[in-house]
N, C-alpha and C. Protein backbone atom coordinates (compact mmCIF):
# COMPACT_ATOMS: atom_id res chain seq x y z
N MET A 1 69.87 24.64 133.38
CA MET A 1 70.07 23.35 133.96
C MET A 1 68.90 22.42 133.64
N ASP A 2 67.69 23.00 133.68
CA ASP A 2 66.51 22.20 133.38
C ASP A 2 66.49 21.78 131.92
N SER A 3 66.98 22.63 131.04
CA SER A 3 66.97 22.28 129.61
C SER A 3 67.95 21.13 129.33
N ILE A 4 69.06 21.10 130.05
CA ILE A 4 70.03 20.02 129.87
C ILE A 4 69.44 18.71 130.39
N ARG A 5 68.80 18.75 131.56
CA ARG A 5 68.17 17.57 132.12
C ARG A 5 67.07 17.06 131.20
N THR A 6 66.26 17.96 130.67
CA THR A 6 65.18 17.58 129.76
C THR A 6 65.75 16.97 128.49
N THR A 7 66.81 17.51 127.97
CA THR A 7 67.45 17.00 126.77
C THR A 7 68.00 15.59 127.02
N VAL A 8 68.62 15.38 128.18
CA VAL A 8 69.17 14.06 128.52
C VAL A 8 68.03 13.05 128.65
N TYR A 9 66.95 13.40 129.37
CA TYR A 9 65.80 12.50 129.50
C TYR A 9 65.18 12.17 128.14
N LEU A 10 65.06 13.19 127.31
CA LEU A 10 64.50 12.98 125.97
C LEU A 10 65.41 12.07 125.14
N GLY A 11 66.70 12.26 125.25
CA GLY A 11 67.65 11.41 124.51
C GLY A 11 67.59 9.97 124.98
N VAL A 12 67.49 9.77 126.31
CA VAL A 12 67.41 8.41 126.85
C VAL A 12 66.11 7.75 126.40
N CYS A 13 65.00 8.49 126.42
CA CYS A 13 63.72 7.93 125.97
C CYS A 13 63.77 7.53 124.51
N VAL A 14 64.35 8.36 123.66
CA VAL A 14 64.46 8.06 122.23
C VAL A 14 65.36 6.85 122.02
N LEU A 15 66.44 6.77 122.77
CA LEU A 15 67.35 5.63 122.66
C LEU A 15 66.65 4.33 123.08
N LEU A 16 65.91 4.36 124.18
CA LEU A 16 65.17 3.17 124.62
C LEU A 16 64.11 2.77 123.62
N LEU A 17 63.40 3.75 123.08
CA LEU A 17 62.35 3.47 122.11
C LEU A 17 62.94 2.86 120.84
N SER A 18 64.05 3.38 120.38
CA SER A 18 64.66 2.82 119.16
C SER A 18 65.20 1.42 119.42
N THR A 19 65.76 1.17 120.60
CA THR A 19 66.26 -0.16 120.94
C THR A 19 65.12 -1.18 121.00
N VAL A 20 64.01 -0.81 121.62
CA VAL A 20 62.87 -1.71 121.70
C VAL A 20 62.29 -1.99 120.32
N CYS A 21 62.19 -0.98 119.49
CA CYS A 21 61.66 -1.18 118.13
C CYS A 21 62.58 -2.07 117.31
N HIS A 22 63.89 -1.87 117.44
CA HIS A 22 64.85 -2.68 116.69
C HIS A 22 64.79 -4.14 117.15
N ALA A 23 64.68 -4.36 118.47
CA ALA A 23 64.59 -5.73 118.99
C ALA A 23 63.30 -6.39 118.52
N HIS A 24 62.22 -5.63 118.48
CA HIS A 24 60.93 -6.18 118.04
C HIS A 24 60.97 -6.57 116.56
N THR A 25 61.57 -5.73 115.72
CA THR A 25 61.64 -6.06 114.29
C THR A 25 62.58 -7.23 114.03
N SER A 26 63.69 -7.32 114.80
CA SER A 26 64.59 -8.46 114.60
C SER A 26 63.93 -9.75 115.08
N LEU A 27 63.11 -9.68 116.14
CA LEU A 27 62.39 -10.85 116.61
C LEU A 27 61.36 -11.28 115.57
N ASP A 28 60.64 -10.33 114.99
CA ASP A 28 59.69 -10.66 113.93
C ASP A 28 60.40 -11.29 112.74
N HIS A 29 61.57 -10.78 112.39
CA HIS A 29 62.33 -11.32 111.26
C HIS A 29 62.78 -12.75 111.55
N ARG A 30 63.26 -13.01 112.78
CA ARG A 30 63.68 -14.36 113.13
C ARG A 30 62.50 -15.32 113.13
N LEU A 31 61.35 -14.88 113.65
CA LEU A 31 60.18 -15.74 113.66
C LEU A 31 59.72 -16.07 112.25
N SER A 32 59.76 -15.09 111.36
CA SER A 32 59.33 -15.36 109.99
C SER A 32 60.31 -16.32 109.30
N GLU A 33 61.62 -16.22 109.59
CA GLU A 33 62.58 -17.16 109.03
C GLU A 33 62.33 -18.57 109.55
N GLU A 34 62.03 -18.71 110.86
CA GLU A 34 61.75 -20.03 111.42
C GLU A 34 60.49 -20.62 110.81
N GLN A 35 59.48 -19.79 110.56
CA GLN A 35 58.25 -20.28 109.94
C GLN A 35 58.52 -20.75 108.52
N LEU A 36 59.38 -20.04 107.79
CA LEU A 36 59.72 -20.45 106.43
C LEU A 36 60.47 -21.78 106.43
N VAL A 37 61.41 -21.93 107.36
CA VAL A 37 62.17 -23.17 107.44
C VAL A 37 61.25 -24.33 107.82
N THR A 38 60.36 -24.10 108.77
CA THR A 38 59.42 -25.15 109.18
C THR A 38 58.50 -25.52 108.03
N ARG A 39 58.02 -24.55 107.30
CA ARG A 39 57.14 -24.81 106.16
C ARG A 39 57.89 -25.58 105.07
N ASP A 40 59.15 -25.20 104.82
CA ASP A 40 59.95 -25.92 103.82
C ASP A 40 60.19 -27.37 104.23
N MET A 41 60.48 -27.58 105.51
CA MET A 41 60.70 -28.94 105.99
C MET A 41 59.43 -29.77 105.89
N ALA A 42 58.29 -29.17 106.21
CA ALA A 42 57.02 -29.89 106.12
C ALA A 42 56.71 -30.26 104.67
N GLU A 43 56.96 -29.35 103.74
CA GLU A 43 56.72 -29.63 102.33
C GLU A 43 57.65 -30.73 101.82
N ALA A 44 58.91 -30.71 102.24
CA ALA A 44 59.85 -31.75 101.81
C ALA A 44 59.44 -33.12 102.35
N LEU A 45 59.00 -33.17 103.60
CA LEU A 45 58.54 -34.43 104.18
C LEU A 45 57.29 -34.92 103.48
N GLU A 46 56.40 -34.02 103.18
CA GLU A 46 55.17 -34.40 102.45
C GLU A 46 55.50 -34.94 101.07
N ASN A 47 56.43 -34.30 100.38
CA ASN A 47 56.84 -34.79 99.06
C ASN A 47 57.50 -36.15 99.15
N LEU A 48 58.27 -36.36 100.20
CA LEU A 48 58.93 -37.64 100.39
C LEU A 48 57.92 -38.75 100.66
N LEU A 49 56.92 -38.44 101.49
CA LEU A 49 55.90 -39.44 101.80
C LEU A 49 54.99 -39.74 100.62
N GLU A 50 54.73 -38.74 99.80
CA GLU A 50 53.86 -38.93 98.64
C GLU A 50 54.60 -39.37 97.40
N GLY A 51 55.93 -39.44 97.48
CA GLY A 51 56.74 -39.80 96.33
C GLY A 51 56.44 -41.20 95.82
N ASP A 52 56.96 -41.52 94.65
CA ASP A 52 56.70 -42.83 94.05
C ASP A 52 57.97 -43.67 94.04
N GLY A 53 57.80 -44.97 94.20
CA GLY A 53 58.91 -45.91 94.04
C GLY A 53 60.02 -45.74 95.05
N ASP A 54 61.17 -45.23 94.62
CA ASP A 54 62.38 -45.19 95.44
C ASP A 54 62.27 -44.22 96.61
N ASN A 55 61.55 -43.13 96.42
CA ASN A 55 61.50 -42.10 97.46
C ASN A 55 60.43 -42.34 98.50
N GLN A 56 59.54 -43.29 98.30
CA GLN A 56 58.44 -43.48 99.23
C GLN A 56 58.89 -44.27 100.45
N ILE A 57 58.48 -43.81 101.61
CA ILE A 57 58.81 -44.48 102.87
C ILE A 57 57.67 -45.41 103.22
N GLY A 58 57.99 -46.67 103.45
CA GLY A 58 56.96 -47.63 103.86
C GLY A 58 56.62 -47.40 105.32
N LEU A 59 55.40 -47.01 105.60
CA LEU A 59 55.02 -46.70 106.96
C LEU A 59 54.94 -47.96 107.82
N ASP A 60 54.74 -49.13 107.20
CA ASP A 60 54.64 -50.35 107.98
C ASP A 60 56.01 -50.94 108.32
N LYS A 61 57.09 -50.41 107.76
CA LYS A 61 58.43 -50.94 108.00
C LYS A 61 59.27 -49.96 108.81
N ARG A 62 58.71 -49.44 109.86
CA ARG A 62 59.46 -48.56 110.74
C ARG A 62 60.23 -49.40 111.73
N ALA A 63 61.41 -48.95 112.10
CA ALA A 63 62.26 -49.72 113.00
C ALA A 63 61.73 -49.77 114.41
N SER A 64 60.92 -48.80 114.80
CA SER A 64 60.47 -48.75 116.18
C SER A 64 59.29 -49.68 116.44
N ILE A 65 58.63 -50.17 115.42
CA ILE A 65 57.46 -51.04 115.61
C ILE A 65 57.85 -52.46 115.24
N ILE A 66 57.89 -53.34 116.23
CA ILE A 66 58.19 -54.75 116.01
C ILE A 66 56.95 -55.53 116.43
N PRO A 67 56.43 -56.40 115.57
CA PRO A 67 55.21 -57.13 115.93
C PRO A 67 55.47 -58.10 117.09
N ARG A 68 54.41 -58.44 117.80
CA ARG A 68 54.49 -59.38 118.93
C ARG A 68 54.27 -60.80 118.43
N CYS A 69 54.92 -61.78 119.06
CA CYS A 69 54.69 -63.18 118.72
C CYS A 69 54.41 -63.97 120.00
N ASP A 70 53.62 -65.01 119.86
CA ASP A 70 53.21 -65.83 120.99
C ASP A 70 54.30 -66.82 121.37
N VAL A 71 54.12 -67.46 122.52
CA VAL A 71 55.06 -68.48 123.00
C VAL A 71 55.04 -69.65 122.03
N GLY A 72 56.22 -70.10 121.60
CA GLY A 72 56.36 -71.21 120.67
C GLY A 72 56.50 -70.77 119.22
N GLU A 73 56.20 -69.51 118.92
CA GLU A 73 56.36 -69.03 117.54
C GLU A 73 57.82 -68.67 117.27
N ARG A 74 58.15 -68.67 116.00
CA ARG A 74 59.50 -68.32 115.57
C ARG A 74 59.69 -66.81 115.75
N CYS A 75 60.74 -66.43 116.48
CA CYS A 75 60.94 -65.02 116.80
C CYS A 75 62.20 -64.42 116.16
N ALA A 76 63.03 -65.26 115.56
CA ALA A 76 64.27 -64.76 114.97
C ALA A 76 64.68 -65.65 113.80
N LEU A 77 65.57 -65.13 112.99
CA LEU A 77 66.10 -65.85 111.84
C LEU A 77 67.61 -65.72 111.87
N LYS A 78 68.30 -66.78 111.53
CA LYS A 78 69.76 -66.75 111.56
C LYS A 78 70.29 -66.49 110.16
N HIS A 79 71.12 -65.47 110.02
CA HIS A 79 71.78 -65.13 108.75
C HIS A 79 73.27 -65.24 108.97
N GLY A 80 73.80 -66.45 108.82
CA GLY A 80 75.23 -66.65 109.08
C GLY A 80 75.51 -66.45 110.55
N PRO A 81 76.46 -65.59 110.89
CA PRO A 81 76.76 -65.37 112.31
C PRO A 81 75.77 -64.41 112.98
N ARG A 82 74.90 -63.79 112.21
CA ARG A 82 73.98 -62.80 112.76
C ARG A 82 72.59 -63.38 112.94
N ILE A 83 71.88 -62.84 113.91
CA ILE A 83 70.50 -63.24 114.16
C ILE A 83 69.61 -62.03 113.94
N GLY A 84 68.64 -62.15 113.04
CA GLY A 84 67.71 -61.07 112.76
C GLY A 84 66.39 -61.30 113.47
N ARG A 85 65.84 -60.28 114.08
CA ARG A 85 64.59 -60.40 114.81
C ARG A 85 63.40 -60.35 113.87
N LEU A 86 62.48 -61.27 114.03
CA LEU A 86 61.23 -61.26 113.28
C LEU A 86 60.13 -60.59 114.07
N CYS A 87 60.10 -60.88 115.38
CA CYS A 87 59.08 -60.31 116.24
C CYS A 87 59.59 -60.26 117.67
N ASP A 88 58.84 -59.60 118.52
CA ASP A 88 59.19 -59.47 119.93
C ASP A 88 58.31 -60.39 120.74
N CYS A 89 58.90 -61.19 121.61
CA CYS A 89 58.13 -62.15 122.40
C CYS A 89 57.24 -61.43 123.40
N MET A 90 56.14 -62.10 123.76
CA MET A 90 55.19 -61.53 124.71
C MET A 90 55.86 -61.36 126.07
N ARG A 91 55.21 -60.64 126.93
CA ARG A 91 55.74 -60.39 128.26
C ARG A 91 55.84 -61.70 129.05
N GLY A 92 56.96 -61.89 129.72
CA GLY A 92 57.19 -63.09 130.49
C GLY A 92 57.90 -64.18 129.71
N SER A 93 58.12 -63.98 128.43
CA SER A 93 58.85 -64.96 127.63
C SER A 93 60.02 -64.26 126.94
N ALA A 94 60.94 -65.05 126.44
CA ALA A 94 62.12 -64.50 125.78
C ALA A 94 62.43 -65.32 124.54
N CYS A 95 63.17 -64.73 123.64
CA CYS A 95 63.54 -65.41 122.41
C CYS A 95 64.78 -66.27 122.67
N ASN A 96 64.64 -67.57 122.49
CA ASN A 96 65.74 -68.50 122.68
C ASN A 96 66.64 -68.43 121.45
N THR A 97 67.92 -68.11 121.64
CA THR A 97 68.81 -67.92 120.49
C THR A 97 69.26 -69.24 119.87
N PHE A 98 69.03 -70.37 120.53
CA PHE A 98 69.39 -71.66 119.95
C PHE A 98 68.25 -72.19 119.09
N PHE A 99 67.04 -72.19 119.64
CA PHE A 99 65.88 -72.68 118.88
C PHE A 99 65.22 -71.59 118.03
N LEU A 100 65.54 -70.33 118.31
CA LEU A 100 64.98 -69.17 117.62
C LEU A 100 63.47 -69.11 117.77
N ARG A 101 62.99 -69.47 118.94
CA ARG A 101 61.55 -69.45 119.25
C ARG A 101 61.35 -68.81 120.62
N CYS A 102 60.13 -68.31 120.82
CA CYS A 102 59.77 -67.73 122.13
C CYS A 102 59.53 -68.82 123.15
N TYR A 103 60.16 -68.72 124.30
CA TYR A 103 59.96 -69.66 125.40
C TYR A 103 59.87 -68.91 126.70
């Protein structure tokens, strides 16, 4: 009876050990794949930023950065039925869509 119990305990221990080792190696494999993907993305972005002519991104022409303009300055331009923003008015003023100036 003791030999059967010992065999069962030994089998459970071996099964747990193999499961833990397999999970650890699969986690290492996933981490290495993520590192490769991250490295590839970083290299592609670096190549894009360092590229010449058509592929180069102008850092000063980002959509999220709009320059500020003072009260009375021209803040927009009219292109037919559309109005394009040139700058963002200072705090407390707004861009008048008729005069296209900050007031």
